Amino acid sequence: MIEKSIKTDRGNLYYWINENNSSNAIVFLHGLTVDHTLFDMQVEFFSKDYKVITIDLPLHGKSIGYNDFSIDNVASDLAKLIENEDISRYAVVGQSAGGYFAQQLANIDSKAACFIGVDTSPLGKDNYKSLDLFWVKHFSSFASFYPYNYYCKISSKQSSVTDNGRKNMYNALVKLGKENMLVAADKIYNSFATHDNVELKCPVLLVYGDCDKVGYVKKYNELWSKSKNYPIEIIPNAGHNSNYDNYSYFNEIVNNFIKKII
């Protein structure tokens, strides 16, 4: 993978791209407090047929500096990033909070051929109870009370069921640091809690791990699938970072879905 960056008015976005000459791509967007390495187990598999892009989202990894943060602004800058590459159509895969940016990106960019939501939930405040939004908006305040090393260990354990998955999460958290983690959580969750509903016009696949215990991911995915008639796949032996925990199963079902579209 080749490391690249794009300069925007709000900050630099760092991303990694393979050398595949295909005009069809897969764009992977990670969740809160991780980074582009969350998709290390997808890169080689999908590089055979597609241009693959993994990104350090704003406030994470090498893209830590970013001003005027909002889900809409980030999605707009992601669209510019993709425009800079020779891509005709792409699938956008968003894990957890990365799914919110992915939904908005698919909403504004006609090149987005489909959306795959991984252990995420629908973007739009009307989908949630007021109490759920209250906890989300104040997450960083509660998280600030925990000793950071303890927080890293607990979050890693909750996010994955495999040793490698937990290690990936833990390493990303340690690199991010407590102050940056709190800023990222505050900015992302406050933008999420005030965002209007997004109605996707492209094909959608919902995915979550059968052992996902983060928030109400399972409940909201089942409601989302039922209300919009979206297909849903449950990844066995996988937690919240299901694409890392059971990557072989995840890769196959996502590949089968994408092949029908691009």
C-alpha atoms as a PDB file:
ATOM      1  CA  MET A   1       0.000   0.000   0.000  1.00  0.00           C
ATOM      2  CA  ILE A   2       1.228   3.488  -0.880  1.00  0.00           C
ATOM      3  CA  GLU A   3       0.825   6.216   1.711  1.00  0.00           C
ATOM      4  CA  LYS A   4      -0.632   9.441   0.345  1.00  0.00           C
ATOM      5  CA  SER A   5      -2.327  12.556   1.677  1.00  0.00           C
ATOM      6  CA  ILE A   6      -4.655  15.267   0.496  1.00  0.00           C
ATOM      7  CA  LYS A   7      -4.661  18.825   1.785  1.00  0.00           C
ATOM      8  CA  THR A   8      -8.075  20.282   2.603  1.00  0.00           C
ATOM      9  CA  ASP A   9      -9.151  23.621   4.080  1.00  0.00           C
ATOM     10  CA  ARG A  10      -9.735  21.834   7.390  1.00  0.00           C
ATOM     11  CA  GLY A  11      -6.609  19.686   7.571  1.00  0.00           C
ATOM     12  CA  ASN A  12      -4.632  16.952   5.841  1.00  0.00           C
ATOM     13  CA  LEU A  13      -6.180  13.530   5.296  1.00  0.00           C
ATOM     14  CA  TYR A  14      -3.806  10.575   5.111  1.00  0.00           C
ATOM     15  CA  TYR A  15      -4.725   7.457   3.206  1.00  0.00           C
ATOM     16  CA  TRP A  16      -3.256   4.278   1.771  1.00  0.00           C
ATOM     17  CA  ILE A  17      -3.931   2.905  -1.701  1.00  0.00           C
ATOM     18  CA  ASN A  18      -2.773  -0.176  -3.595  1.00  0.00           C
ATOM     19  CA  GLU A  19      -1.369  -0.280  -7.134  1.00  0.00           C
ATOM     20  CA  ASN A  20      -4.338  -1.966  -8.785  1.00  0.00           C
ATOM     21  CA  ASN A  21      -5.273  -0.177 -12.041  1.00  0.00           C
ATOM     22  CA  SER A  22      -8.979  -0.973 -11.784  1.00  0.00           C
ATOM     23  CA  SER A  23     -11.360   1.984 -11.958  1.00  0.00           C
ATOM     24  CA  ASN A  24     -13.563   0.202  -9.382  1.00  0.00           C
ATOM     25  CA  ALA A  25     -12.619   0.653  -5.748  1.00  0.00           C
ATOM     26  CA  ILE A  26     -13.449  -0.211  -2.162  1.00  0.00           C
ATOM     27  CA  VAL A  27     -13.121   2.573   0.389  1.00  0.00           C
ATOM     28  CA  PHE A  28     -12.804   1.484   4.021  1.00  0.00           C
ATOM     29  CA  LEU A  29     -13.691   3.885   6.867  1.00  0.00           C
ATOM     30  CA  HIS A  30     -12.788   2.873  10.415  1.00  0.00           C
ATOM     31  CA  GLY A  31     -14.646   3.608  13.632  1.00  0.00           C
ATOM     32  CA  LEU A  32     -13.955   5.762  16.662  1.00  0.00           C
ATOM     33  CA  THR A  33     -10.466   5.534  18.267  1.00  0.00           C
ATOM     34  CA  VAL A  34      -8.984   3.097  15.748  1.00  0.00           C
ATOM     35  CA  ASP A  35      -7.218   3.857  12.466  1.00  0.00           C
ATOM     36  CA  HIS A  36      -6.710   2.520   8.948  1.00  0.00           C
ATOM     37  CA  THR A  37      -5.035  -0.645  10.273  1.00  0.00           C
ATOM     38  CA  LEU A  38      -8.476  -1.927  11.300  1.00  0.00           C
ATOM     39  CA  PHE A  39      -8.746  -3.112   7.673  1.00  0.00           C
ATOM     40  CA  ASP A  40      -5.358  -4.802   7.397  1.00  0.00           C
ATOM     41  CA  MET A  41      -7.133  -8.149   7.016  1.00  0.00           C
ATOM     42  CA  GLN A  42      -9.097  -6.875   4.002  1.00  0.00           C
ATOM     43  CA  VAL A  43      -6.321  -5.242   1.956  1.00  0.00           C
ATOM     44  CA  GLU A  44      -4.680  -8.290   0.382  1.00  0.00           C
ATOM     45  CA  PHE A  45      -7.969 -10.091  -0.276  1.00  0.00           C
ATOM     46  CA  PHE A  46      -9.658  -7.214  -2.119  1.00  0.00           C
ATOM     47  CA  SER A  47      -6.519  -5.914  -3.849  1.00  0.00           C
ATOM     48  CA  LYS A  48      -6.774  -8.719  -6.384  1.00  0.00           C
ATOM     49  CA  ASP A  49      -9.841  -7.212  -8.039  1.00  0.00           C
ATOM     50  CA  TYR A  50     -10.204  -3.649  -6.811  1.00  0.00           C
ATOM     51  CA  LYS A  51      -8.424  -0.462  -6.010  1.00  0.00           C
ATOM     52  CA  VAL A  52      -8.388  -0.434  -2.203  1.00  0.00           C
ATOM     53  CA  ILE A  53      -8.302   2.730  -0.107  1.00  0.00           C
ATOM     54  CA  THR A  54      -7.922   2.784   3.670  1.00  0.00           C
ATOM     55  CA  ILE A  55      -7.999   6.123   5.466  1.00  0.00           C
ATOM     56  CA  ASP A  56      -7.043   7.646   8.784  1.00  0.00           C
ATOM     57  CA  LEU A  57     -10.216   9.614   9.405  1.00  0.00           C
ATOM     58  CA  PRO A  58      -9.934  13.155  10.839  1.00  0.00           C
ATOM     59  CA  LEU A  59      -8.941  13.264  14.520  1.00  0.00           C
ATOM     60  CA  HIS A  60      -7.333   9.817  14.192  1.00  0.00           C
ATOM     61  CA  GLY A  61      -3.955   8.385  13.245  1.00  0.00           C
ATOM     62  CA  LYS A  62      -1.904  10.667  11.009  1.00  0.00           C
ATOM     63  CA  SER A  63      -4.995  12.817  10.270  1.00  0.00           C
ATOM     64  CA  ILE A  64      -5.124  14.028  13.863  1.00  0.00           C
ATOM     65  CA  GLY A  65      -5.226  17.736  13.021  1.00  0.00           C
ATOM     66  CA  TYR A  66      -8.603  18.823  11.652  1.00  0.00           C
ATOM     67  CA  ASN A  67     -10.682  21.991  12.103  1.00  0.00           C
ATOM     68  CA  ASP A  68     -14.415  22.694  11.781  1.00  0.00           C
ATOM     69  CA  PHE A  69     -15.278  19.033  12.308  1.00  0.00           C
ATOM     70  CA  SER A  70     -18.665  17.626  11.306  1.00  0.00           C
ATOM     71  CA  ILE A  71     -19.847  14.464   9.606  1.00  0.00           C
ATOM     72  CA  ASP A  72     -20.888  16.531   6.583  1.00  0.00           C
ATOM     73  CA  ASN A  73     -17.514  18.272   6.296  1.00  0.00           C
ATOM     74  CA  VAL A  74     -15.594  15.026   6.591  1.00  0.00           C
ATOM     75  CA  ALA A  75     -17.779  13.349   3.960  1.00  0.00           C
ATOM     76  CA  SER A  76     -17.217  16.291   1.624  1.00  0.00           C
ATOM     77  CA  ASP A  77     -13.448  16.011   2.046  1.00  0.00           C
ATOM     78  CA  LEU A  78     -13.584  12.247   1.530  1.00  0.00           C
ATOM     79  CA  ALA A  79     -15.411  12.820  -1.752  1.00  0.00           C
ATOM     80  CA  LYS A  80     -12.590  15.156  -2.832  1.00  0.00           C
ATOM     81  CA  LEU A  81     -10.023  12.526  -1.871  1.00  0.00           C
ATOM     82  CA  ILE A  82     -11.755   9.934  -4.022  1.00  0.00           C
ATOM     83  CA  GLU A  83     -12.104  12.417  -6.864  1.00  0.00           C
ATOM     84  CA  ASN A  84      -8.312  12.749  -6.913  1.00  0.00           C
ATOM     85  CA  GLU A  85      -7.954   9.053  -7.722  1.00  0.00           C
ATOM     86  CA  ASP A  86      -8.931   7.424 -11.021  1.00  0.00           C
ATOM     87  CA  ILE A  87     -12.125   5.836  -9.724  1.00  0.00           C
ATOM     88  CA  SER A  88     -15.376   5.384 -11.637  1.00  0.00           C
ATOM     89  CA  ARG A  89     -17.399   3.512  -9.013  1.00  0.00           C
ATOM     90  CA  TYR A  90     -16.714   2.370  -5.493  1.00  0.00           C
ATOM     91  CA  ALA A  91     -18.166   0.515  -2.555  1.00  0.00           C
ATOM     92  CA  VAL A  92     -17.888   2.363   0.740  1.00  0.00           C
ATOM     93  CA  VAL A  93     -17.475   0.234   3.862  1.00  0.00           C
ATOM     94  CA  GLY A  94     -17.975   1.951   7.214  1.00  0.00           C
ATOM     95  CA  GLN A  95     -17.305   0.275  10.551  1.00  0.00           C
ATOM     96  CA  SER A  96     -19.038   1.583  13.697  1.00  0.00           C
ATOM     97  CA  ALA A  97     -18.735   5.413  13.719  1.00  0.00           C
ATOM     98  CA  GLY A  98     -17.075   5.140  10.304  1.00  0.00           C
ATOM     99  CA  GLY A  99     -20.476   4.025   9.090  1.00  0.00           C
ATOM    100  CA  TYR A 100     -21.862   7.518   9.733  1.00  0.00           C
ATOM    101  CA  PHE A 101     -19.285   9.126   7.444  1.00  0.00           C
ATOM    102  CA  ALA A 102     -19.849   6.340   4.910  1.00  0.00           C
ATOM    103  CA  GLN A 103     -23.603   6.919   4.832  1.00  0.00           C
ATOM    104  CA  GLN A 104     -23.199  10.642   4.278  1.00  0.00           C
ATOM    105  CA  LEU A 105     -20.540  10.014   1.616  1.00  0.00           C
ATOM    106  CA  ALA A 106     -22.836   7.610  -0.215  1.00  0.00           C
ATOM    107  CA  ASN A 107     -25.588  10.215   0.089  1.00  0.00           C
ATOM    108  CA  ILE A 108     -23.613  12.990  -1.634  1.00  0.00           C
ATOM    109  CA  ASP A 109     -21.376  11.149  -4.113  1.00  0.00           C
ATOM    110  CA  SER A 110     -22.929   9.527  -7.189  1.00  0.00           C
ATOM    111  CA  LYS A 111     -19.811   7.373  -7.635  1.00  0.00           C
ATOM    112  CA  ALA A 112     -20.685   5.462  -4.471  1.00  0.00           C
ATOM    113  CA  ALA A 113     -22.250   2.287  -5.866  1.00  0.00           C
ATOM    114  CA  CYS A 114     -23.155   0.688  -2.535  1.00  0.00           C
ATOM    115  CA  PHE A 115     -22.806   1.004   1.235  1.00  0.00           C
ATOM    116  CA  ILE A 116     -21.732  -1.768   3.609  1.00  0.00           C
ATOM    117  CA  GLY A 117     -22.375  -0.965   7.262  1.00  0.00           C
ATOM    118  CA  VAL A 118     -20.208  -2.955   9.683  1.00  0.00           C
ATOM    119  CA  ASP A 119     -21.318  -3.006  13.330  1.00  0.00           C
ATOM    120  CA  THR A 120     -22.773   0.469  12.830  1.00  0.00           C
ATOM    121  CA  SER A 121     -26.249   2.035  12.958  1.00  0.00           C
ATOM    122  CA  PRO A 122     -28.360   4.449  10.883  1.00  0.00           C
ATOM    123  CA  LEU A 123     -27.302   8.079  10.602  1.00  0.00           C
ATOM    124  CA  GLY A 124     -30.072  10.423  11.733  1.00  0.00           C
ATOM    125  CA  LYS A 125     -31.255  11.544  15.160  1.00  0.00           C
ATOM    126  CA  ASP A 126     -34.861  10.543  14.491  1.00  0.00           C
ATOM    127  CA  ASN A 127     -33.828   6.883  14.595  1.00  0.00           C
ATOM    128  CA  TYR A 128     -32.979   7.032  18.297  1.00  0.00           C
ATOM    129  CA  LYS A 129     -34.592   7.598  21.651  1.00  0.00           C
ATOM    130  CA  SER A 130     -33.688  10.806  23.452  1.00  0.00           C
ATOM    131  CA  LEU A 131     -32.003   8.845  26.250  1.00  0.00           C
ATOM    132  CA  ASP A 132     -29.739   7.084  23.732  1.00  0.00           C
ATOM    133  CA  LEU A 133     -28.706  10.436  22.270  1.00  0.00           C
ATOM    134  CA  PHE A 134     -28.069  11.814  25.753  1.00  0.00           C
ATOM    135  CA  TRP A 135     -25.577   9.045  26.567  1.00  0.00           C
ATOM    136  CA  VAL A 136     -23.894   9.409  23.192  1.00  0.00           C
ATOM    137  CA  LYS A 137     -23.490  13.179  23.519  1.00  0.00           C
ATOM    138  CA  HIS A 138     -21.971  12.826  26.994  1.00  0.00           C
ATOM    139  CA  PHE A 139     -19.788   9.789  26.281  1.00  0.00           C
ATOM    140  CA  SER A 140     -16.521  11.717  26.466  1.00  0.00           C
ATOM    141  CA  SER A 141     -17.466  13.216  29.839  1.00  0.00           C
ATOM    142  CA  PHE A 142     -17.985   9.776  31.365  1.00  0.00           C
ATOM    143  CA  ALA A 143     -14.919   8.293  29.648  1.00  0.00           C
ATOM    144  CA  SER A 144     -12.712  11.049  31.051  1.00  0.00           C
ATOM    145  CA  PHE A 145     -13.047   9.631  34.581  1.00  0.00           C
ATOM    146  CA  TYR A 146     -11.333   6.328  33.707  1.00  0.00           C
ATOM    147  CA  PRO A 147      -7.550   5.869  33.956  1.00  0.00           C
ATOM    148  CA  TYR A 148      -6.540   5.676  30.318  1.00  0.00           C
ATOM    149  CA  ASN A 149      -4.672   2.380  30.479  1.00  0.00           C
ATOM    150  CA  TYR A 150      -7.727   0.780  32.071  1.00  0.00           C
ATOM    151  CA  TYR A 151      -9.973   2.353  29.418  1.00  0.00           C
ATOM    152  CA  CYS A 152      -7.758   0.959  26.630  1.00  0.00           C
ATOM    153  CA  LYS A 153      -7.900  -2.557  28.076  1.00  0.00           C
ATOM    154  CA  ILE A 154     -11.661  -2.512  28.641  1.00  0.00           C
ATOM    155  CA  SER A 155     -12.449  -1.024  25.212  1.00  0.00           C
ATOM    156  CA  SER A 156     -10.205  -3.543  23.481  1.00  0.00           C
ATOM    157  CA  LYS A 157     -11.879  -6.432  25.287  1.00  0.00           C
ATOM    158  CA  GLN A 158     -15.362  -5.149  24.462  1.00  0.00           C
ATOM    159  CA  SER A 159     -14.578  -4.536  20.796  1.00  0.00           C
ATOM    160  CA  SER A 160     -13.132  -7.905  19.810  1.00  0.00           C
ATOM    161  CA  VAL A 161     -13.255 -11.564  20.768  1.00  0.00           C
ATOM    162  CA  THR A 162      -9.891 -12.520  19.256  1.00  0.00           C
ATOM    163  CA  ASP A 163      -6.438 -11.743  20.602  1.00  0.00           C
ATOM    164  CA  ASN A 164      -5.352 -10.130  17.325  1.00  0.00           C
ATOM    165  CA  GLY A 165      -8.482  -7.996  17.168  1.00  0.00           C
ATOM    166  CA  ARG A 166      -7.992  -6.802  20.728  1.00  0.00           C
ATOM    167  CA  LYS A 167      -4.333  -6.076  20.077  1.00  0.00           C
ATOM    168  CA  ASN A 168      -5.191  -3.962  17.031  1.00  0.00           C
ATOM    169  CA  MET A 169      -7.731  -1.948  19.023  1.00  0.00           C
ATOM    170  CA  TYR A 170      -5.437  -1.552  22.024  1.00  0.00           C
ATOM    171  CA  ASN A 171      -2.481  -0.355  19.938  1.00  0.00           C
ATOM    172  CA  ALA A 172      -4.619   2.228  18.150  1.00  0.00           C
ATOM    173  CA  LEU A 173      -5.972   3.562  21.447  1.00  0.00           C
ATOM    174  CA  VAL A 174      -2.528   3.840  22.989  1.00  0.00           C
ATOM    175  CA  LYS A 175      -1.198   5.715  19.951  1.00  0.00           C
ATOM    176  CA  LEU A 176      -4.177   8.063  19.983  1.00  0.00           C
ATOM    177  CA  GLY A 177      -3.811   9.018  23.636  1.00  0.00           C
ATOM    178  CA  LYS A 178      -6.473  10.062  26.136  1.00  0.00           C
ATOM    179  CA  GLU A 179      -6.744  13.724  25.172  1.00  0.00           C
ATOM    180  CA  ASN A 180      -7.145  12.964  21.465  1.00  0.00           C
ATOM    181  CA  MET A 181      -9.568  10.129  22.225  1.00  0.00           C
ATOM    182  CA  LEU A 182     -11.818  12.449  24.220  1.00  0.00           C
ATOM    183  CA  VAL A 183     -11.741  15.107  21.501  1.00  0.00           C
ATOM    184  CA  ALA A 184     -12.575  12.577  18.782  1.00  0.00           C
ATOM    185  CA  ALA A 185     -15.433  11.060  20.785  1.00  0.00           C
ATOM    186  CA  ASP A 186     -16.880  14.473  21.636  1.00  0.00           C
ATOM    187  CA  LYS A 187     -16.728  15.791  18.059  1.00  0.00           C
ATOM    188  CA  ILE A 188     -18.043  12.656  16.361  1.00  0.00           C
ATOM    189  CA  TYR A 189     -20.839  11.840  18.774  1.00  0.00           C
ATOM    190  CA  ASN A 190     -22.121  15.407  18.988  1.00  0.00           C
ATOM    191  CA  SER A 191     -22.262  15.652  15.193  1.00  0.00           C
ATOM    192  CA  PHE A 192     -23.985  12.253  15.055  1.00  0.00           C
ATOM    193  CA  ALA A 193     -26.562  13.183  17.710  1.00  0.00           C
ATOM    194  CA  THR A 194     -27.680  16.297  15.812  1.00  0.00           C
ATOM    195  CA  HIS A 195     -27.533  14.985  12.243  1.00  0.00           C
ATOM    196  CA  ASP A 196     -30.688  14.723  10.141  1.00  0.00           C
ATOM    197  CA  ASN A 197     -31.756  11.351   8.759  1.00  0.00           C
ATOM    198  CA  VAL A 198     -30.021  10.116   5.624  1.00  0.00           C
ATOM    199  CA  GLU A 199     -32.009   8.211   3.005  1.00  0.00           C
ATOM    200  CA  LEU A 200     -29.648   6.025   0.991  1.00  0.00           C
ATOM    201  CA  LYS A 201     -30.426   5.497  -2.672  1.00  0.00           C
ATOM    202  CA  CYS A 202     -27.760   2.866  -3.334  1.00  0.00           C
ATOM    203  CA  PRO A 203     -27.789  -0.853  -2.433  1.00  0.00           C
ATOM    204  CA  VAL A 204     -27.031  -1.532   1.236  1.00  0.00           C
ATOM    205  CA  LEU A 205     -25.670  -4.498   3.174  1.00  0.00           C
ATOM    206  CA  LEU A 206     -25.714  -4.543   6.974  1.00  0.00           C
ATOM    207  CA  VAL A 207     -23.199  -6.636   8.903  1.00  0.00           C
ATOM    208  CA  TYR A 208     -22.539  -7.208  12.581  1.00  0.00           C
ATOM    209  CA  GLY A 209     -20.697  -9.697  14.771  1.00  0.00           C
ATOM    210  CA  ASP A 210     -22.746 -12.236  16.698  1.00  0.00           C
ATOM    211  CA  CYS A 211     -20.820 -11.306  19.873  1.00  0.00           C
ATOM    212  CA  ASP A 212     -21.095  -7.536  19.435  1.00  0.00           C
ATOM    213  CA  LYS A 213     -21.887  -6.078  22.859  1.00  0.00           C
ATOM    214  CA  VAL A 214     -21.201  -2.412  22.125  1.00  0.00           C
ATOM    215  CA  GLY A 215     -24.258  -0.236  22.706  1.00  0.00           C
ATOM    216  CA  TYR A 216     -27.390  -1.392  20.914  1.00  0.00           C
ATOM    217  CA  VAL A 217     -25.772  -2.328  17.602  1.00  0.00           C
ATOM    218  CA  LYS A 218     -27.695  -5.581  17.228  1.00  0.00           C
ATOM    219  CA  LYS A 219     -31.051  -3.989  18.031  1.00  0.00           C
ATOM    220  CA  TYR A 220     -30.613  -1.036  15.721  1.00  0.00           C
ATOM    221  CA  ASN A 221     -29.378  -3.211  12.860  1.00  0.00           C
ATOM    222  CA  GLU A 222     -32.408  -5.481  13.107  1.00  0.00           C
ATOM    223  CA  LEU A 223     -34.755  -2.457  13.187  1.00  0.00           C
ATOM    224  CA  TRP A 224     -32.859  -0.832  10.310  1.00  0.00           C
ATOM    225  CA  SER A 225     -33.000  -3.977   8.224  1.00  0.00           C
ATOM    226  CA  LYS A 226     -36.706  -4.434   8.871  1.00  0.00           C
ATOM    227  CA  SER A 227     -37.720  -0.828   8.202  1.00  0.00           C
ATOM    228  CA  LYS A 228     -35.690  -0.459   4.979  1.00  0.00           C
ATOM    229  CA  ASN A 229     -35.710  -4.070   3.804  1.00  0.00           C
ATOM    230  CA  TYR A 230     -31.911  -4.149   3.795  1.00  0.00           C
ATOM    231  CA  PRO A 231     -30.178  -7.534   3.749  1.00  0.00           C
ATOM    232  CA  ILE A 232     -28.289  -8.334   6.918  1.00  0.00           C
ATOM    233  CA  GLU A 233     -25.427 -10.741   7.608  1.00  0.00           C
ATOM    234  CA  ILE A 234     -24.315 -11.866  11.057  1.00  0.00           C
ATOM    235  CA  ILE A 235     -20.620 -12.703  11.362  1.00  0.00           C
ATOM    236  CA  PRO A 236     -20.064 -15.741  13.594  1.00  0.00           C
ATOM    237  CA  ASN A 237     -17.385 -15.721  16.294  1.00  0.00           C
ATOM    238  CA  ALA A 238     -16.933 -11.965  16.008  1.00  0.00           C
ATOM    239  CA  GLY A 239     -17.369  -8.894  18.164  1.00  0.00           C
ATOM    240  CA  HIS A 240     -17.804  -5.202  17.347  1.00  0.00           C
ATOM    241  CA  ASN A 241     -14.732  -5.192  15.101  1.00  0.00           C
ATOM    242  CA  SER A 242     -16.159  -8.148  13.218  1.00  0.00           C
ATOM    243  CA  ASN A 243     -14.152  -7.549  10.040  1.00  0.00           C
ATOM    244  CA  TYR A 244     -10.969  -8.188  12.057  1.00  0.00           C
ATOM    245  CA  ASP A 245     -12.218 -10.993  14.319  1.00  0.00           C
ATOM    246  CA  ASN A 246     -13.538 -13.237  11.544  1.00  0.00           C
ATOM    247  CA  TYR A 247     -12.001 -11.653   8.466  1.00  0.00           C
ATOM    248  CA  SER A 248     -12.287 -14.694   6.176  1.00  0.00           C
ATOM    249  CA  TYR A 249     -16.063 -14.941   6.642  1.00  0.00           C
ATOM    250  CA  PHE A 250     -16.447 -11.174   6.418  1.00  0.00           C
ATOM    251  CA  ASN A 251     -14.377 -10.901   3.237  1.00  0.00           C
ATOM    252  CA  GLU A 252     -16.393 -13.553   1.429  1.00  0.00           C
ATOM    253  CA  ILE A 253     -19.839 -12.134   2.151  1.00  0.00           C
ATOM    254  CA  VAL A 254     -18.779  -8.575   1.355  1.00  0.00           C
ATOM    255  CA  ASN A 255     -17.072  -9.682  -1.844  1.00  0.00           C
ATOM    256  CA  ASN A 256     -20.145 -11.606  -2.954  1.00  0.00           C
ATOM    257  CA  PHE A 257     -22.321  -8.547  -2.351  1.00  0.00           C
ATOM    258  CA  ILE A 258     -20.033  -6.110  -4.144  1.00  0.00           C
ATOM    259  CA  LYS A 259     -19.560  -8.375  -7.164  1.00  0.00           C
ATOM    260  CA  LYS A 260     -23.255  -8.072  -7.933  1.00  0.00           C
ATOM    261  CA  ILE A 261     -22.983  -4.280  -8.138  1.00  0.00           C
ATOM    262  CA  ILE A 262     -19.558  -3.234  -9.467  1.00  0.00           C
END
